Structure formats: C-alpha cells, structure tokens
Amino acid sequence: MGAEDNKGYQPWWAIDKAAWRERFSPFYRLVGITENRTAPLKPWTDRDVEEFIKSEPVHGPRLKLVRQGAQVAAVGALAGGLTSAGVAIRYSKNYVGAVLAFVGGSAVGWAVAEEGANYALGLYKFDCLETNLKFLDWWQAKTEG
C-alpha cells in the first residue's frame, strides 16, 4: 500500500500526458497541414471561404463568425492604438511615447475587442481553432484532390 501510493514528485506537465496530447493535438494537425509539405497550400480568396461556408453545415457558419470576430478585433486594435497615440501626442508631444502608446493601445484594444466579439458572437461556445482546421482540411482536399 505504501509503495504503490507514493509515486514521488512529478512536475505539473507530467501529471496527465494524455490530456496534454489531446489539448495540443490541433496544433500538431496545423503543423502537419502547413509545415510538413513540399509545396505550400495555394492561397484562398473570399469566394473560396464563402463556398466552404455554404458547403459545410456545421463549421461553415462557425467560420463566418470567427472571421467576423477577427475583423472586430482588428478594428478594435486600430481604434485603441490611434486613440492612445492621439492622447500621447496631444498631451506630451513626444513621438517615441506616441509610438509606444500606439503599440500598447493596439494590444489593449485588440484584447478588449476580441473578448467583446467572443461574447457577442458566441465564439466561446465552440473551438475556433478546430473550425479553422476544418477549413484548411477542406481547402487542402479541394486544391490537391
């Protein structure tokens, strides 16, 4: 009883390797689709994305929401960066500070807008990476046959 229960010290990452493998499997799939190739995937257009949205009943609408969320986050980053840089220029007249304020404001604006889009569009209800991987699988099958 004593020898079996005392497994010794285990670091936090070695506690449940199966759970870690399952959680990071989408990243391994992404690397398998994009990196381990002789030729890169052909670029896709908005028309191709719309075709996927129409052809895939589950992941199509999800991909549309993910793309909308990315657009909201990009606008939020731009708005946050310009606002904070404008305030820095107005009150300090320091251009280096304005550049740093733009970078910081962009990061904060992106994070706030992404979380807002996550909540407003319901992106928290599904795995966005899995949706993007489904699109990449579909695109690979379509272009390479």
N, C-alpha and C. Protein backbone atom coordinates (compact mmCIF):
# COMPACT_ATOMS: atom_id res chain seq x y z
N MET A 1 0.82 -1.19 0.00
CA MET A 1 0.00 0.00 0.00
C MET A 1 0.86 1.25 0.00
N GLY A 2 1.95 1.24 0.74
CA GLY A 2 2.77 2.43 0.83
C GLY A 2 3.59 2.66 -0.43
N ALA A 3 4.12 1.61 -1.05
CA ALA A 3 4.98 1.77 -2.21
C ALA A 3 4.19 2.16 -3.45
N GLU A 4 2.96 1.64 -3.58
CA GLU A 4 2.16 1.95 -4.76
C GLU A 4 1.62 3.37 -4.72
N ASP A 5 1.28 3.88 -3.54
CA ASP A 5 0.69 5.21 -3.42
C ASP A 5 1.73 6.31 -3.57
N ASN A 6 2.96 6.06 -3.19
CA ASN A 6 3.99 7.07 -3.24
C ASN A 6 4.72 6.98 -4.58
N LYS A 7 4.27 7.77 -5.55
CA LYS A 7 4.89 7.77 -6.88
C LYS A 7 6.03 8.76 -6.97
N GLY A 8 6.24 9.54 -5.94
CA GLY A 8 7.31 10.52 -5.96
C GLY A 8 6.83 11.82 -6.58
N TYR A 9 7.76 12.74 -6.65
CA TYR A 9 7.44 14.05 -7.20
C TYR A 9 7.28 13.98 -8.71
N GLN A 10 6.22 14.58 -9.22
CA GLN A 10 6.01 14.71 -10.65
C GLN A 10 5.80 16.18 -10.97
N PRO A 11 6.46 16.70 -11.99
CA PRO A 11 6.20 18.09 -12.37
C PRO A 11 4.78 18.25 -12.90
N TRP A 12 4.30 19.48 -12.93
CA TRP A 12 2.90 19.73 -13.30
C TRP A 12 2.60 19.30 -14.72
N TRP A 13 3.59 19.34 -15.62
CA TRP A 13 3.30 18.98 -17.01
C TRP A 13 3.29 17.47 -17.24
N ALA A 14 3.77 16.70 -16.28
CA ALA A 14 3.83 15.24 -16.44
C ALA A 14 2.69 14.53 -15.73
N ILE A 15 1.76 15.26 -15.19
CA ILE A 15 0.70 14.64 -14.40
C ILE A 15 -0.23 13.82 -15.29
N ASP A 16 -0.71 14.41 -16.37
CA ASP A 16 -1.64 13.70 -17.25
C ASP A 16 -1.24 13.95 -18.69
N LYS A 17 -0.37 13.12 -19.22
CA LYS A 17 0.15 13.33 -20.56
C LYS A 17 -0.93 13.14 -21.62
N ALA A 18 -1.88 12.27 -21.38
CA ALA A 18 -2.94 12.06 -22.36
C ALA A 18 -3.79 13.32 -22.52
N ALA A 19 -4.05 14.01 -21.43
CA ALA A 19 -4.83 15.25 -21.51
C ALA A 19 -4.06 16.33 -22.26
N TRP A 20 -2.74 16.40 -22.03
CA TRP A 20 -1.93 17.38 -22.75
C TRP A 20 -1.90 17.07 -24.24
N ARG A 21 -1.76 15.79 -24.59
CA ARG A 21 -1.75 15.41 -26.00
C ARG A 21 -3.07 15.76 -26.67
N GLU A 22 -4.16 15.52 -25.97
CA GLU A 22 -5.47 15.83 -26.54
C GLU A 22 -5.65 17.33 -26.72
N ARG A 23 -5.21 18.11 -25.76
CA ARG A 23 -5.39 19.56 -25.83
C ARG A 23 -4.55 20.19 -26.93
N PHE A 24 -3.34 19.68 -27.14
CA PHE A 24 -2.46 20.28 -28.14
C PHE A 24 -2.52 19.58 -29.49
N SER A 25 -3.40 18.61 -29.67
CA SER A 25 -3.49 17.92 -30.95
C SER A 25 -3.88 18.84 -32.11
N PRO A 26 -4.73 19.86 -31.92
CA PRO A 26 -4.99 20.76 -33.05
C PRO A 26 -3.75 21.48 -33.55
N PHE A 27 -2.83 21.81 -32.65
CA PHE A 27 -1.60 22.47 -33.08
C PHE A 27 -0.73 21.53 -33.90
N TYR A 28 -0.69 20.26 -33.51
CA TYR A 28 0.06 19.29 -34.29
C TYR A 28 -0.58 19.09 -35.66
N ARG A 29 -1.91 19.11 -35.71
CA ARG A 29 -2.59 19.00 -37.01
C ARG A 29 -2.30 20.21 -37.87
N LEU A 30 -2.27 21.40 -37.26
CA LEU A 30 -1.97 22.62 -38.02
C LEU A 30 -0.56 22.56 -38.59
N VAL A 31 0.38 22.10 -37.81
CA VAL A 31 1.75 21.96 -38.30
C VAL A 31 1.79 20.92 -39.41
N GLY A 32 1.03 19.85 -39.27
CA GLY A 32 1.00 18.83 -40.32
C GLY A 32 0.42 19.34 -41.62
N ILE A 33 -0.52 20.26 -41.55
CA ILE A 33 -1.14 20.81 -42.75
C ILE A 33 -0.24 21.85 -43.39
N THR A 34 0.39 22.69 -42.57
CA THR A 34 1.10 23.84 -43.12
C THR A 34 2.60 23.66 -43.27
N GLU A 35 3.26 22.99 -42.34
CA GLU A 35 4.72 22.97 -42.32
C GLU A 35 5.33 21.78 -43.04
N ASN A 36 4.82 20.61 -42.83
CA ASN A 36 5.44 19.40 -43.37
C ASN A 36 4.97 19.14 -44.79
N ARG A 37 5.26 20.06 -45.67
CA ARG A 37 4.80 19.96 -47.05
C ARG A 37 5.95 20.26 -48.00
N THR A 38 5.86 19.69 -49.20
CA THR A 38 6.86 20.02 -50.21
C THR A 38 6.53 21.34 -50.89
N ALA A 39 5.23 21.60 -51.07
CA ALA A 39 4.78 22.87 -51.66
C ALA A 39 3.74 23.48 -50.72
N PRO A 40 3.74 24.79 -50.55
CA PRO A 40 2.75 25.40 -49.65
C PRO A 40 1.34 25.31 -50.21
N LEU A 41 0.37 25.45 -49.33
CA LEU A 41 -1.03 25.49 -49.77
C LEU A 41 -1.24 26.71 -50.66
N LYS A 42 -2.09 26.55 -51.65
CA LYS A 42 -2.40 27.67 -52.51
C LYS A 42 -3.20 28.70 -51.72
N PRO A 43 -3.02 29.98 -52.00
CA PRO A 43 -3.80 30.99 -51.28
C PRO A 43 -5.28 30.90 -51.66
N TRP A 44 -6.14 31.24 -50.72
CA TRP A 44 -7.58 31.18 -50.97
C TRP A 44 -8.13 32.60 -51.00
N THR A 45 -9.29 32.71 -51.60
CA THR A 45 -9.95 34.01 -51.72
C THR A 45 -11.21 34.01 -50.86
N ASP A 46 -11.85 35.16 -50.81
CA ASP A 46 -13.11 35.25 -50.08
C ASP A 46 -14.19 34.37 -50.72
N ARG A 47 -14.11 34.20 -52.02
CA ARG A 47 -15.08 33.34 -52.71
C ARG A 47 -14.93 31.89 -52.26
N ASP A 48 -13.70 31.45 -52.05
CA ASP A 48 -13.46 30.09 -51.56
C ASP A 48 -14.00 29.91 -50.15
N VAL A 49 -13.81 30.92 -49.32
CA VAL A 49 -14.32 30.86 -47.96
C VAL A 49 -15.85 30.81 -47.97
N GLU A 50 -16.47 31.61 -48.83
CA GLU A 50 -17.93 31.59 -48.94
C GLU A 50 -18.42 30.23 -49.43
N GLU A 51 -17.68 29.60 -50.33
CA GLU A 51 -18.05 28.26 -50.80
C GLU A 51 -17.99 27.26 -49.66
N PHE A 52 -16.96 27.36 -48.81
CA PHE A 52 -16.87 26.48 -47.65
C PHE A 52 -18.03 26.73 -46.69
N ILE A 53 -18.37 27.99 -46.48
CA ILE A 53 -19.46 28.33 -45.56
C ILE A 53 -20.77 27.73 -46.05
N LYS A 54 -20.99 27.74 -47.36
CA LYS A 54 -22.23 27.19 -47.92
C LYS A 54 -22.22 25.67 -47.94
N SER A 55 -21.04 25.06 -48.10
CA SER A 55 -20.99 23.61 -48.26
C SER A 55 -20.90 22.86 -46.94
N GLU A 56 -20.44 23.48 -45.90
CA GLU A 56 -20.25 22.80 -44.61
C GLU A 56 -21.35 23.26 -43.65
N PRO A 57 -22.28 22.37 -43.27
CA PRO A 57 -23.41 22.82 -42.44
C PRO A 57 -23.05 23.19 -41.01
N VAL A 58 -22.02 22.56 -40.44
CA VAL A 58 -21.68 22.84 -39.04
C VAL A 58 -20.58 23.90 -38.95
N HIS A 59 -19.47 23.65 -39.62
CA HIS A 59 -18.32 24.53 -39.47
C HIS A 59 -18.38 25.75 -40.38
N GLY A 60 -19.24 25.75 -41.37
CA GLY A 60 -19.37 26.91 -42.25
C GLY A 60 -19.85 28.16 -41.52
N PRO A 61 -21.00 28.09 -40.84
CA PRO A 61 -21.44 29.27 -40.07
C PRO A 61 -20.47 29.65 -38.96
N ARG A 62 -19.81 28.66 -38.39
CA ARG A 62 -18.83 28.96 -37.35
C ARG A 62 -17.65 29.73 -37.92
N LEU A 63 -17.19 29.33 -39.10
CA LEU A 63 -16.08 30.04 -39.73
C LEU A 63 -16.46 31.47 -40.05
N LYS A 64 -17.69 31.67 -40.45
CA LYS A 64 -18.16 33.04 -40.72
C LYS A 64 -18.10 33.88 -39.45
N LEU A 65 -18.52 33.31 -38.33
CA LEU A 65 -18.46 34.03 -37.05
C LEU A 65 -17.01 34.29 -36.63
N VAL A 66 -16.14 33.33 -36.85
CA VAL A 66 -14.73 33.51 -36.49
C VAL A 66 -14.12 34.64 -37.30
N ARG A 67 -14.44 34.70 -38.59
CA ARG A 67 -13.92 35.78 -39.43
C ARG A 67 -14.48 37.13 -39.01
N GLN A 68 -15.75 37.18 -38.63
CA GLN A 68 -16.32 38.43 -38.13
C GLN A 68 -15.63 38.86 -36.84
N GLY A 69 -15.36 37.91 -35.97
CA GLY A 69 -14.66 38.21 -34.72
C GLY A 69 -13.26 38.75 -34.97
N ALA A 70 -12.58 38.21 -35.98
CA ALA A 70 -11.24 38.69 -36.31
C ALA A 70 -11.30 40.12 -36.85
N GLN A 71 -12.33 40.43 -37.63
CA GLN A 71 -12.48 41.79 -38.14
C GLN A 71 -12.77 42.77 -37.00
N VAL A 72 -13.59 42.36 -36.06
CA VAL A 72 -13.89 43.22 -34.91
C VAL A 72 -12.62 43.46 -34.10
N ALA A 73 -11.82 42.42 -33.90
CA ALA A 73 -10.58 42.57 -33.14
C ALA A 73 -9.59 43.49 -33.86
N ALA A 74 -9.53 43.39 -35.18
CA ALA A 74 -8.61 44.26 -35.93
C ALA A 74 -9.05 45.73 -35.84
N VAL A 75 -10.34 45.97 -35.94
CA VAL A 75 -10.84 47.35 -35.81
C VAL A 75 -10.61 47.86 -34.40
N GLY A 76 -10.80 47.01 -33.40
CA GLY A 76 -10.55 47.40 -32.02
C GLY A 76 -9.09 47.73 -31.78
N ALA A 77 -8.19 46.97 -32.38
CA ALA A 77 -6.76 47.24 -32.24
C ALA A 77 -6.40 48.58 -32.88
N LEU A 78 -6.93 48.83 -34.05
CA LEU A 78 -6.66 50.10 -34.73
C LEU A 78 -7.22 51.28 -33.94
N ALA A 79 -8.45 51.14 -33.46
CA ALA A 79 -9.06 52.23 -32.70
C ALA A 79 -8.32 52.47 -31.39
N GLY A 80 -7.95 51.41 -30.69
CA GLY A 80 -7.21 51.58 -29.44
C GLY A 80 -5.85 52.20 -29.65
N GLY A 81 -5.16 51.77 -30.70
CA GLY A 81 -3.84 52.32 -30.98
C GLY A 81 -3.89 53.78 -31.37
N LEU A 82 -4.82 54.13 -32.26
CA LEU A 82 -4.92 55.53 -32.69
C LEU A 82 -5.36 56.44 -31.56
N THR A 83 -6.29 55.97 -30.74
CA THR A 83 -6.77 56.79 -29.63
C THR A 83 -5.66 57.06 -28.62
N SER A 84 -4.95 56.01 -28.23
CA SER A 84 -3.90 56.21 -27.23
C SER A 84 -2.73 57.01 -27.79
N ALA A 85 -2.40 56.81 -29.07
CA ALA A 85 -1.33 57.61 -29.68
C ALA A 85 -1.75 59.06 -29.80
N GLY A 86 -3.02 59.29 -30.13
CA GLY A 86 -3.51 60.67 -30.22
C GLY A 86 -3.46 61.39 -28.89
N VAL A 87 -3.83 60.69 -27.83
CA VAL A 87 -3.76 61.30 -26.49
C VAL A 87 -2.31 61.58 -26.12
N ALA A 88 -1.41 60.66 -26.44
CA ALA A 88 0.00 60.86 -26.12
C ALA A 88 0.58 62.05 -26.88
N ILE A 89 0.23 62.19 -28.14
CA ILE A 89 0.73 63.32 -28.93
C ILE A 89 0.15 64.64 -28.41
N ARG A 90 -1.12 64.62 -28.10
CA ARG A 90 -1.76 65.86 -27.67
C ARG A 90 -1.18 66.39 -26.36
N TYR A 91 -0.97 65.50 -25.41
CA TYR A 91 -0.58 65.98 -24.09
C TYR A 91 0.93 65.97 -23.85
N SER A 92 1.70 65.18 -24.59
CA SER A 92 3.13 65.14 -24.28
C SER A 92 4.01 65.62 -25.43
N LYS A 93 3.52 65.60 -26.64
CA LYS A 93 4.29 65.98 -27.83
C LYS A 93 5.57 65.14 -27.98
N ASN A 94 5.53 63.95 -27.46
CA ASN A 94 6.67 63.03 -27.52
C ASN A 94 6.33 61.93 -28.51
N TYR A 95 7.04 61.89 -29.63
CA TYR A 95 6.70 60.94 -30.69
C TYR A 95 7.09 59.51 -30.35
N VAL A 96 8.16 59.34 -29.62
CA VAL A 96 8.52 57.99 -29.19
C VAL A 96 7.47 57.45 -28.23
N GLY A 97 7.01 58.30 -27.34
CA GLY A 97 5.93 57.91 -26.43
C GLY A 97 4.65 57.62 -27.18
N ALA A 98 4.40 58.36 -28.26
CA ALA A 98 3.20 58.12 -29.06
C ALA A 98 3.27 56.77 -29.75
N VAL A 99 4.45 56.40 -30.22
CA VAL A 99 4.60 55.08 -30.86
C VAL A 99 4.37 53.98 -29.83
N LEU A 100 4.96 54.14 -28.66
CA LEU A 100 4.74 53.15 -27.60
C LEU A 100 3.28 53.12 -27.16
N ALA A 101 2.65 54.28 -27.11
CA ALA A 101 1.23 54.33 -26.76
C ALA A 101 0.39 53.65 -27.84
N PHE A 102 0.78 53.80 -29.10
CA PHE A 102 0.07 53.12 -30.19
C PHE A 102 0.17 51.61 -30.04
N VAL A 103 1.38 51.12 -29.73
CA VAL A 103 1.57 49.68 -29.57
C VAL A 103 0.76 49.16 -28.38
N GLY A 104 0.86 49.85 -27.26
CA GLY A 104 0.12 49.42 -26.08
C GLY A 104 -1.38 49.54 -26.26
N GLY A 105 -1.82 50.64 -26.86
CA GLY A 105 -3.26 50.82 -27.11
C GLY A 105 -3.80 49.80 -28.10
N SER A 106 -2.97 49.43 -29.08
CA SER A 106 -3.40 48.40 -30.02
C SER A 106 -3.56 47.05 -29.33
N ALA A 107 -2.63 46.72 -28.46
CA ALA A 107 -2.72 45.44 -27.74
C ALA A 107 -3.96 45.40 -26.85
N VAL A 108 -4.19 46.49 -26.12
CA VAL A 108 -5.35 46.52 -25.23
C VAL A 108 -6.64 46.56 -26.05
N GLY A 109 -6.67 47.36 -27.11
CA GLY A 109 -7.86 47.44 -27.96
C GLY A 109 -8.18 46.11 -28.61
N TRP A 110 -7.14 45.40 -29.06
CA TRP A 110 -7.36 44.09 -29.65
C TRP A 110 -7.92 43.12 -28.62
N ALA A 111 -7.35 43.10 -27.42
CA ALA A 111 -7.81 42.17 -26.39
C ALA A 111 -9.25 42.45 -25.98
N VAL A 112 -9.58 43.72 -25.79
CA VAL A 112 -10.94 44.07 -25.38
C VAL A 112 -11.94 43.77 -26.50
N ALA A 113 -11.58 44.11 -27.73
CA ALA A 113 -12.49 43.85 -28.85
C ALA A 113 -12.65 42.36 -29.10
N GLU A 114 -11.58 41.60 -28.94
CA GLU A 114 -11.68 40.16 -29.14
C GLU A 114 -12.58 39.52 -28.09
N GLU A 115 -12.44 39.95 -26.85
CA GLU A 115 -13.32 39.40 -25.81
C GLU A 115 -14.77 39.84 -26.02
N GLY A 116 -14.96 41.07 -26.46
CA GLY A 116 -16.32 41.52 -26.77
C GLY A 116 -16.93 40.72 -27.90
N ALA A 117 -16.16 40.48 -28.95
CA ALA A 117 -16.65 39.68 -30.07
C ALA A 117 -16.87 38.23 -29.64
N ASN A 118 -16.00 37.73 -28.79
CA ASN A 118 -16.15 36.37 -28.27
C ASN A 118 -17.49 36.22 -27.56
N TYR A 119 -17.85 37.20 -26.78
CA TYR A 119 -19.11 37.15 -26.05
C TYR A 119 -20.30 37.45 -26.97
N ALA A 120 -20.20 38.51 -27.77
CA ALA A 120 -21.33 38.94 -28.59
C ALA A 120 -21.66 37.94 -29.69
N LEU A 121 -20.65 37.35 -30.30
CA LEU A 121 -20.88 36.42 -31.41
C LEU A 121 -21.01 34.97 -30.95
N GLY A 122 -20.76 34.71 -29.68
CA GLY A 122 -20.88 33.36 -29.16
C GLY A 122 -19.72 32.45 -29.54
N LEU A 123 -18.54 33.03 -29.73
CA LEU A 123 -17.38 32.22 -30.12
C LEU A 123 -16.89 31.32 -28.99
N TYR A 124 -17.29 31.61 -27.78
CA TYR A 124 -16.87 30.79 -26.64
C TYR A 124 -17.58 29.44 -26.62
N LYS A 125 -18.58 29.26 -27.44
CA LYS A 125 -19.36 28.02 -27.43
C LYS A 125 -18.70 26.88 -28.21
N PHE A 126 -17.70 27.19 -29.02
CA PHE A 126 -17.04 26.17 -29.82
C PHE A 126 -15.56 26.49 -29.94
N ASP A 127 -14.81 25.53 -30.45
CA ASP A 127 -13.37 25.68 -30.60
C ASP A 127 -13.07 26.32 -31.95
N CYS A 128 -12.61 27.55 -31.92
CA CYS A 128 -12.34 28.30 -33.15
C CYS A 128 -11.19 27.70 -33.94
N LEU A 129 -10.19 27.17 -33.25
CA LEU A 129 -9.06 26.55 -33.94
C LEU A 129 -9.51 25.32 -34.71
N GLU A 130 -10.40 24.55 -34.14
CA GLU A 130 -10.93 23.36 -34.82
C GLU A 130 -11.69 23.76 -36.09
N THR A 131 -12.42 24.86 -36.02
CA THR A 131 -13.14 25.35 -37.20
C THR A 131 -12.16 25.77 -38.29
N ASN A 132 -11.11 26.47 -37.93
CA ASN A 132 -10.11 26.86 -38.92
C ASN A 132 -9.40 25.64 -39.50
N LEU A 133 -9.15 24.63 -38.67
CA LEU A 133 -8.52 23.42 -39.18
C LEU A 133 -9.43 22.67 -40.14
N LYS A 134 -10.74 22.67 -39.88
CA LYS A 134 -11.68 22.05 -40.82
C LYS A 134 -11.63 22.76 -42.17
N PHE A 135 -11.53 24.09 -42.13
CA PHE A 135 -11.41 24.82 -43.40
C PHE A 135 -10.12 24.47 -44.11
N LEU A 136 -9.01 24.40 -43.38
CA LEU A 136 -7.74 24.05 -44.01
C LEU A 136 -7.76 22.63 -44.58
N ASP A 137 -8.39 21.69 -43.86
CA ASP A 137 -8.54 20.33 -44.39
C ASP A 137 -9.36 20.34 -45.68
N TRP A 138 -10.45 21.09 -45.67
CA TRP A 138 -11.31 21.20 -46.85
C TRP A 138 -10.54 21.83 -48.01
N TRP A 139 -9.79 22.87 -47.73
CA TRP A 139 -9.05 23.56 -48.78
C TRP A 139 -7.94 22.67 -49.34
N GLN A 140 -7.29 21.92 -48.48
CA GLN A 140 -6.25 21.00 -48.94
C GLN A 140 -6.86 19.91 -49.82
N ALA A 141 -8.00 19.37 -49.42
CA ALA A 141 -8.65 18.33 -50.22
C ALA A 141 -9.13 18.89 -51.56
N LYS A 142 -9.60 20.13 -51.56
CA LYS A 142 -10.11 20.73 -52.79
C LYS A 142 -8.98 21.05 -53.76
N THR A 143 -7.89 21.59 -53.27
CA THR A 143 -6.82 22.02 -54.17
C THR A 143 -5.91 20.88 -54.60
N GLU A 144 -5.74 19.89 -53.73
CA GLU A 144 -4.82 18.81 -54.06
C GLU A 144 -5.53 17.54 -54.52
N GLY A 145 -6.85 17.55 -54.45
CA GLY A 145 -7.61 16.41 -54.95
C GLY A 145 -7.68 15.30 -54.06
